[in-house]
Amino acid sequence: MEQRIIGASARPAGGAGSAERPAAATRHVRVGEDSAGQRLDNFLVKLLKGVPKTHVYRVIRSGEVRVNKGRADAQTRLALGDDVRIPPVRTAAVDAERAVPGREFPVVFEDADLLAIDKPAGVAVHGGSGVSFGVIEQLRRARPDARFLELVHRLDKETSGLLLLAKKRSALVALQAAMRPGARGMTKTYAALVAGTWPERLKVIDVPLRKALDAAGERRVQAVQPEADDARRAITLVRVAGRYAAHTLLDVTLRTGRTHQIRVHLAHAGHAIVGDDKYGDRAADKAMARGETVPGVRFDRMFLHARRLAFAHPSSGETMELEAPLPDACTRLLEALPRRAA
């Protein structure tokens, strides 16, 4: 089988006000190849931009939306050629040019099926939870002729590195299937700088996680016992990549893909990621941001970078290995950190 390794340097890619729009007339939409296999609710949310999701679900439940002249629920999978009847709805007429500025990101790989970018830290992958827009909305705005563009997976806002997008629904379905627990069809490796001396013997973290709300109502993820309610198994592989006087650089590979998995697992092991404002040491991170930890170096982000992705190409089956170098800020910090004495 052929293998392609793509990396180190990424090339740049080519290339507010709102008002209420009157309700449109009833219309019929024929499902195309790019939407075949999609759930009805997701199909409508994408099609009816500006319509609140609560209203989308309301018209589905009411039976006003019909698929091939019959009622359908939100989970209905659409097939190529299906006729979807959409009732009149009111949408927000938003000046998309002003609301979502088009933006390209450094491209690590691109072909007819895939787009892999090197996402900078501080940029959300999609809008929501107080964020107006993210990578996916900006890319769609920058590429108005793109027929299909969807996130294959996600990265936290403060995590930098490789982010994979699908340019065809068939590629999206294949790649998301490869990421399901147990499939092991995609390998994700991250670089993480943690506080303290990581124990050489600790190479596998197999600790269940669950989502919860803290006293302030903020979403957090907790490490729990296997018998805990809502516990989901999470497995992280850890390898020491570099040792420093008060820190350790780790190569971290995911075997499962739970929310905040790496951040919670490393913190649970007693070695939080540098700059992690949710699970880390805030006092130490503030000192690092002020340049007090390493004289002359201010580091004010989370040191978690998606550096490598390996998977089978969804069309050719070719083994793909994509790599993104550490951002300059991370490299400067590592160069300035005092090394651990031999």
Protein backbone atom coordinates (compact mmCIF):
# COMPACT_ATOMS: atom_id res chain seq x y z
CA MET A 1 0.00 0.00 0.00
CA GLU A 2 1.28 3.45 -0.83
CA GLN A 3 2.14 5.83 1.97
CA ARG A 4 2.35 9.60 1.86
CA ILE A 5 3.99 11.72 4.57
CA ILE A 6 3.08 15.36 4.44
CA GLY A 7 4.32 17.92 6.81
CA ALA A 8 6.46 20.08 8.28
CA SER A 9 5.79 23.41 6.59
CA ALA A 10 2.29 24.42 5.65
CA ARG A 11 1.54 26.50 2.57
CA PRO A 12 -1.05 29.28 2.58
CA ALA A 13 -4.29 28.47 0.81
CA GLY A 14 -5.48 30.23 -2.30
CA GLY A 15 -7.61 31.98 -2.97
CA ALA A 16 -23.52 42.78 11.52
CA GLY A 17 -26.39 44.22 10.94
CA SER A 18 -29.46 42.01 10.70
CA ALA A 19 -33.13 42.31 9.91
CA GLU A 20 -36.01 39.89 9.68
CA ARG A 21 -36.68 38.45 6.25
CA PRO A 22 -40.34 37.72 5.36
CA ALA A 23 -41.36 34.08 5.41
CA ALA A 24 -40.69 32.37 2.11
CA ALA A 25 -43.25 30.22 0.33
CA THR A 26 -43.36 26.47 0.72
CA ARG A 27 -40.57 24.90 -1.31
CA HIS A 28 -39.36 21.47 -2.31
CA VAL A 29 -35.69 20.54 -2.20
CA ARG A 30 -34.25 17.49 -3.93
CA VAL A 31 -31.50 15.76 -1.93
CA GLY A 32 -28.22 15.75 -3.83
CA GLU A 33 -25.17 13.55 -3.57
CA ASP A 34 -23.49 15.82 -1.02
CA SER A 35 -26.46 15.54 1.37
CA ALA A 36 -27.31 11.85 0.94
CA GLY A 37 -27.00 10.03 4.27
CA GLN A 38 -27.42 13.20 6.33
CA ARG A 39 -29.96 13.44 9.13
CA LEU A 40 -33.04 15.53 8.38
CA ASP A 41 -32.42 17.95 11.28
CA ASN A 42 -28.81 18.62 10.25
CA PHE A 43 -29.88 19.02 6.62
CA LEU A 44 -32.44 21.67 7.58
CA VAL A 45 -30.17 23.53 10.01
CA LYS A 46 -27.61 23.92 7.25
CA LEU A 47 -30.21 24.85 4.64
CA LEU A 48 -32.20 27.29 6.78
CA LYS A 49 -29.44 29.64 7.87
CA GLY A 50 -30.73 32.17 10.39
CA VAL A 51 -33.54 29.94 11.65
CA PRO A 52 -33.14 28.96 15.33
CA LYS A 53 -32.66 25.24 15.90
CA THR A 54 -35.64 25.19 18.25
CA HIS A 55 -37.85 26.32 15.38
CA VAL A 56 -36.35 23.74 13.02
CA TYR A 57 -37.24 20.95 15.46
CA ARG A 58 -40.68 22.44 16.00
CA VAL A 59 -41.63 22.32 12.32
CA ILE A 60 -40.28 18.77 12.06
CA ARG A 61 -42.35 17.60 15.05
CA SER A 62 -45.45 19.35 13.73
CA GLY A 63 -45.26 17.36 10.50
CA GLU A 64 -44.91 20.48 8.35
CA VAL A 65 -41.66 19.11 6.97
CA ARG A 66 -42.30 16.14 4.69
CA VAL A 67 -39.94 13.67 3.05
CA ASN A 68 -41.35 12.09 -0.10
CA LYS A 69 -44.81 13.37 0.98
CA GLY A 70 -44.63 11.57 4.34
CA ARG A 71 -43.92 12.68 7.90
CA ALA A 72 -40.37 12.19 9.11
CA ASP A 73 -38.59 12.62 12.42
CA ALA A 74 -35.39 14.54 13.07
CA GLN A 75 -33.21 11.42 12.91
CA THR A 76 -34.43 10.35 9.47
CA ARG A 77 -31.52 9.67 7.11
CA LEU A 78 -32.02 11.27 3.72
CA ALA A 79 -31.31 9.38 0.52
CA LEU A 80 -30.19 10.63 -2.87
CA GLY A 81 -33.20 12.00 -4.77
CA ASP A 82 -35.49 12.37 -1.74
CA ASP A 83 -37.99 15.23 -2.00
CA VAL A 84 -38.02 17.41 1.13
CA ARG A 85 -40.98 19.75 1.57
CA ILE A 86 -40.06 22.81 3.63
CA PRO A 87 -42.82 25.07 5.00
CA PRO A 88 -42.61 28.89 5.05
CA VAL A 89 -40.19 30.09 7.74
CA ARG A 90 -38.90 33.47 8.81
CA THR A 91 -35.14 33.88 8.80
CA ALA A 92 -32.73 36.57 9.92
CA ALA A 93 -31.42 38.46 6.90
CA VAL A 94 -27.78 38.78 7.91
CA ASP A 95 -25.09 40.52 5.95
CA ALA A 96 -22.83 37.44 5.83
CA GLU A 97 -19.95 39.44 4.40
CA ARG A 98 -19.84 41.54 7.58
CA ALA A 99 -21.03 38.92 10.08
CA VAL A 100 -18.51 36.23 9.11
CA PRO A 101 -15.23 37.46 7.62
CA GLY A 102 -13.80 34.98 5.14
CA ARG A 103 -10.46 33.57 6.16
CA GLU A 104 -8.06 30.97 4.86
CA PHE A 105 -5.75 29.02 7.17
CA PRO A 106 -2.36 27.41 6.47
CA VAL A 107 -2.99 24.30 4.39
CA VAL A 108 -1.05 21.13 5.21
CA PHE A 109 -2.84 18.98 2.61
CA GLU A 110 -5.70 19.37 0.17
CA ASP A 111 -7.26 17.32 -2.61
CA ALA A 112 -10.76 16.72 -3.96
CA ASP A 113 -11.82 14.86 -0.79
CA LEU A 114 -9.95 16.48 2.07
CA LEU A 115 -8.63 19.70 3.51
CA ALA A 116 -6.16 19.63 6.41
CA ILE A 117 -5.21 22.95 7.98
CA ASP A 118 -2.87 24.08 10.75
CA LYS A 119 -5.28 25.84 13.12
CA PRO A 120 -3.82 28.61 15.29
CA ALA A 121 -4.52 28.71 19.02
CA GLY A 122 -7.32 31.03 20.11
CA VAL A 123 -9.60 30.28 17.15
CA ALA A 124 -12.75 28.22 17.69
CA VAL A 125 -13.50 25.50 15.13
CA HIS A 126 -17.16 26.57 14.90
CA GLY A 127 -19.56 29.15 16.27
CA GLY A 128 -21.66 28.60 19.39
CA SER A 129 -21.51 29.10 23.18
CA GLY A 130 -20.87 32.81 22.88
CA VAL A 131 -18.64 32.50 19.80
CA SER A 132 -20.14 34.08 16.68
CA PHE A 133 -18.12 32.07 14.18
CA GLY A 134 -15.14 29.79 13.87
CA VAL A 135 -12.92 28.05 11.35
CA ILE A 136 -15.71 26.28 9.47
CA GLU A 137 -17.83 29.42 8.99
CA GLN A 138 -14.83 31.47 7.90
CA LEU A 139 -13.65 28.85 5.42
CA ARG A 140 -17.12 28.54 3.92
CA ARG A 141 -17.23 32.31 3.52
CA ALA A 142 -13.77 32.35 1.93
CA ARG A 143 -14.78 29.53 -0.45
CA PRO A 144 -18.27 30.42 -1.68
CA ASP A 145 -18.04 27.91 -4.54
CA ALA A 146 -17.35 24.95 -2.26
CA ARG A 147 -20.28 22.54 -2.58
CA PHE A 148 -19.49 20.73 0.66
CA LEU A 149 -17.21 21.53 3.60
CA GLU A 150 -17.61 19.93 7.02
CA LEU A 151 -15.46 19.36 10.09
CA VAL A 152 -14.28 15.76 10.44
CA HIS A 153 -13.33 16.29 14.10
CA ARG A 154 -12.82 19.16 16.53
CA LEU A 155 -10.07 20.87 18.47
CA ASP A 156 -10.48 23.01 21.57
CA LYS A 157 -10.26 26.74 20.90
CA GLU A 158 -6.89 27.06 22.66
CA THR A 159 -5.41 23.95 21.00
CA SER A 160 -3.40 24.53 17.83
CA GLY A 161 -2.50 22.15 15.04
CA LEU A 162 -3.97 19.75 12.53
CA LEU A 163 -7.67 20.05 11.80
CA LEU A 164 -9.24 17.84 9.14
CA LEU A 165 -12.23 18.83 7.01
CA ALA A 166 -14.13 16.84 4.40
CA LYS A 167 -14.97 18.23 0.97
CA LYS A 168 -17.35 15.35 0.15
CA ARG A 169 -19.99 13.64 2.27
CA SER A 170 -18.54 10.24 1.39
CA ALA A 171 -15.18 11.34 2.82
CA LEU A 172 -16.84 12.67 5.97
CA VAL A 173 -18.70 9.41 6.60
CA ALA A 174 -15.60 7.28 6.00
CA LEU A 175 -13.31 9.36 8.22
CA GLN A 176 -15.78 9.65 11.08
CA ALA A 177 -16.27 5.88 10.95
CA ALA A 178 -12.49 5.49 11.25
CA MET A 179 -12.53 7.56 14.45
CA ARG A 180 -15.18 5.55 16.27
CA PRO A 181 -14.03 3.79 19.44
CA GLY A 182 -12.47 0.46 18.57
CA ALA A 183 -12.04 1.29 14.88
CA ARG A 184 -8.49 2.64 15.28
CA GLY A 185 -8.58 3.92 11.73
CA MET A 186 -7.13 7.30 12.67
CA THR A 187 -4.21 8.12 14.94
CA LYS A 188 -4.00 11.57 16.55
CA THR A 189 -0.80 12.62 18.31
CA TYR A 190 -0.35 15.83 20.28
CA ALA A 191 2.60 17.67 21.79
CA ALA A 192 1.92 18.77 25.36
CA LEU A 193 4.16 20.54 27.84
CA VAL A 194 3.25 19.67 31.43
CA ALA A 195 4.39 20.82 34.84
CA GLY A 196 6.76 18.64 36.81
CA THR A 197 8.63 15.43 36.06
CA TRP A 198 6.46 12.90 34.26
CA PRO A 199 7.07 9.35 35.55
CA GLU A 200 8.68 7.21 32.87
CA ARG A 201 6.57 4.21 33.85
CA LEU A 202 3.27 5.98 33.20
CA LYS A 203 2.62 5.24 29.54
CA VAL A 204 -1.08 4.40 29.46
CA ILE A 205 -3.88 6.32 31.17
CA ASP A 206 -7.12 4.30 31.22
CA VAL A 207 -9.42 6.43 33.36
CA PRO A 208 -13.14 6.98 32.62
CA LEU A 209 -14.42 10.52 32.10
CA ARG A 210 -17.79 12.20 32.42
CA LYS A 211 -19.17 15.65 31.72
CA ALA A 212 -20.50 17.75 34.57
CA LEU A 213 -21.32 21.32 35.58
CA ASP A 214 -19.37 23.06 38.33
CA ALA A 215 -20.87 25.36 40.99
CA ALA A 216 -20.76 28.28 38.55
CA GLY A 217 -22.64 26.31 35.89
CA GLU A 218 -19.55 25.94 33.71
CA ARG A 219 -19.08 22.70 31.78
CA ARG A 220 -16.18 20.58 32.99
CA VAL A 221 -15.00 17.03 32.46
CA GLN A 222 -14.14 14.84 35.43
CA ALA A 223 -12.02 11.74 35.88
CA VAL A 224 -14.23 9.17 37.65
CA GLN A 225 -14.43 5.54 38.70
CA PRO A 226 -15.71 3.04 36.08
CA GLU A 227 -18.91 2.44 38.05
CA ALA A 228 -19.82 6.15 38.19
CA ASP A 229 -22.97 7.35 36.46
CA ASP A 230 -22.36 8.51 32.86
CA ALA A 231 -18.74 7.32 32.97
CA ARG A 232 -17.21 6.75 29.53
CA ARG A 233 -13.99 4.84 29.04
CA ALA A 234 -11.06 7.00 27.89
CA ILE A 235 -7.58 5.79 26.96
CA THR A 236 -4.53 8.01 26.41
CA LEU A 237 -1.03 6.87 25.47
CA VAL A 238 1.90 8.97 26.73
CA ARG A 239 5.56 9.08 25.71
CA VAL A 240 8.21 11.42 27.12
CA ALA A 241 9.67 13.55 24.32
CA GLY A 242 11.86 15.90 26.37
CA ARG A 243 12.75 16.65 29.97
CA TYR A 244 13.34 20.06 31.49
CA ALA A 245 14.17 21.26 34.99
CA ALA A 246 10.55 21.83 36.00
CA HIS A 247 8.58 20.60 32.99
CA THR A 248 8.19 17.59 30.68
CA LEU A 249 7.39 17.59 26.95
CA LEU A 250 5.07 14.73 26.06
CA ASP A 251 3.89 13.00 22.90
CA VAL A 252 0.26 12.10 23.59
CA THR A 253 -1.77 9.75 21.40
CA LEU A 254 -5.52 9.29 21.73
CA ARG A 255 -7.12 5.85 21.69
CA THR A 256 -10.53 7.38 22.39
CA GLY A 257 -11.74 10.88 21.63
CA ARG A 258 -13.57 12.25 24.66
CA THR A 259 -14.08 15.95 25.30
CA HIS A 260 -10.99 17.49 26.98
CA GLN A 261 -9.54 13.98 27.31
CA ILE A 262 -5.85 14.86 27.18
CA ARG A 263 -6.25 17.89 29.43
CA VAL A 264 -8.16 15.99 32.12
CA HIS A 265 -6.05 12.83 31.98
CA LEU A 266 -2.76 14.70 32.35
CA ALA A 267 -4.11 16.90 35.14
CA HIS A 268 -5.54 13.81 36.88
CA ALA A 269 -2.06 12.29 36.76
CA GLY A 270 -0.76 15.33 38.64
CA HIS A 271 0.89 17.07 35.67
CA ALA A 272 -1.40 19.71 34.18
CA ILE A 273 -0.72 21.20 30.76
CA VAL A 274 1.04 24.56 30.84
CA GLY A 275 -1.47 27.35 30.12
CA ASP A 276 -4.62 25.25 30.67
CA ASP A 277 -7.00 27.78 32.23
CA LYS A 278 -9.64 25.16 33.05
CA TYR A 279 -7.70 22.24 34.53
CA GLY A 280 -4.26 23.73 35.17
CA ASP A 281 -2.39 25.77 37.77
CA ARG A 282 -3.63 29.32 37.28
CA ALA A 283 -0.99 30.96 39.45
CA ALA A 284 1.85 29.21 37.63
CA ASP A 285 0.29 29.98 34.26
CA LYS A 286 -0.06 33.69 35.11
CA ALA A 287 3.60 33.78 36.09
CA MET A 288 4.50 32.14 32.77
CA ALA A 289 2.36 34.68 30.89
CA ARG A 290 4.07 37.58 32.67
CA GLY A 291 7.51 36.24 31.77
CA GLU A 292 8.45 35.47 35.36
CA THR A 293 8.98 31.71 34.97
CA VAL A 294 11.40 32.07 32.08
CA PRO A 295 12.99 35.54 32.05
CA GLY A 296 12.35 37.28 28.75
CA VAL A 297 9.77 34.76 27.50
CA ARG A 298 6.05 35.43 27.91
CA PHE A 299 3.90 32.41 27.15
CA ASP A 300 0.18 33.08 27.36
CA ARG A 301 -1.50 30.14 25.59
CA MET A 302 -2.11 26.46 26.29
CA PHE A 303 0.78 24.25 25.24
CA LEU A 304 -1.25 21.60 23.42
CA HIS A 305 -0.63 21.13 19.71
CA ALA A 306 -2.12 18.53 17.36
CA ARG A 307 1.11 17.66 15.58
CA ARG A 308 0.34 14.45 13.68
CA LEU A 309 -2.60 12.69 12.01
CA ALA A 310 -2.41 9.27 10.37
CA PHE A 311 -5.30 7.64 8.52
CA ALA A 312 -6.28 5.85 5.33
CA HIS A 313 -7.38 8.17 2.53
CA PRO A 314 -11.16 7.73 2.16
CA SER A 315 -11.02 7.31 -1.62
CA SER A 316 -7.65 5.75 -2.47
CA GLY A 317 -6.92 3.85 0.74
CA GLU A 318 -3.44 5.37 0.71
CA THR A 319 -1.87 5.77 4.16
CA MET A 320 -1.70 9.47 4.95
CA GLU A 321 0.62 10.94 7.58
CA LEU A 322 0.11 14.65 8.11
CA GLU A 323 2.36 16.72 10.35
CA ALA A 324 2.25 20.29 11.64
CA PRO A 325 5.34 21.85 13.27
CA LEU A 326 5.18 23.42 16.70
CA PRO A 327 4.11 27.09 16.61
CA ASP A 328 6.89 29.64 17.08
CA ALA A 329 5.70 30.57 20.57
CA CYS A 330 5.99 26.95 21.73
CA THR A 331 9.41 26.53 20.12
CA ARG A 332 10.73 29.71 21.76
CA LEU A 333 9.56 28.53 25.16
CA LEU A 334 11.21 25.13 24.80
CA GLU A 335 14.47 26.73 23.70
CA ALA A 336 14.46 28.99 26.75
CA LEU A 337 13.46 26.43 29.38
CA PRO A 338 16.36 25.16 31.51
CA ARG A 339 17.12 21.52 30.80
CA ARG A 340 16.96 18.86 33.44
CA ALA A 341 20.38 17.99 34.83
CA ALA A 342 21.64 14.60 33.66
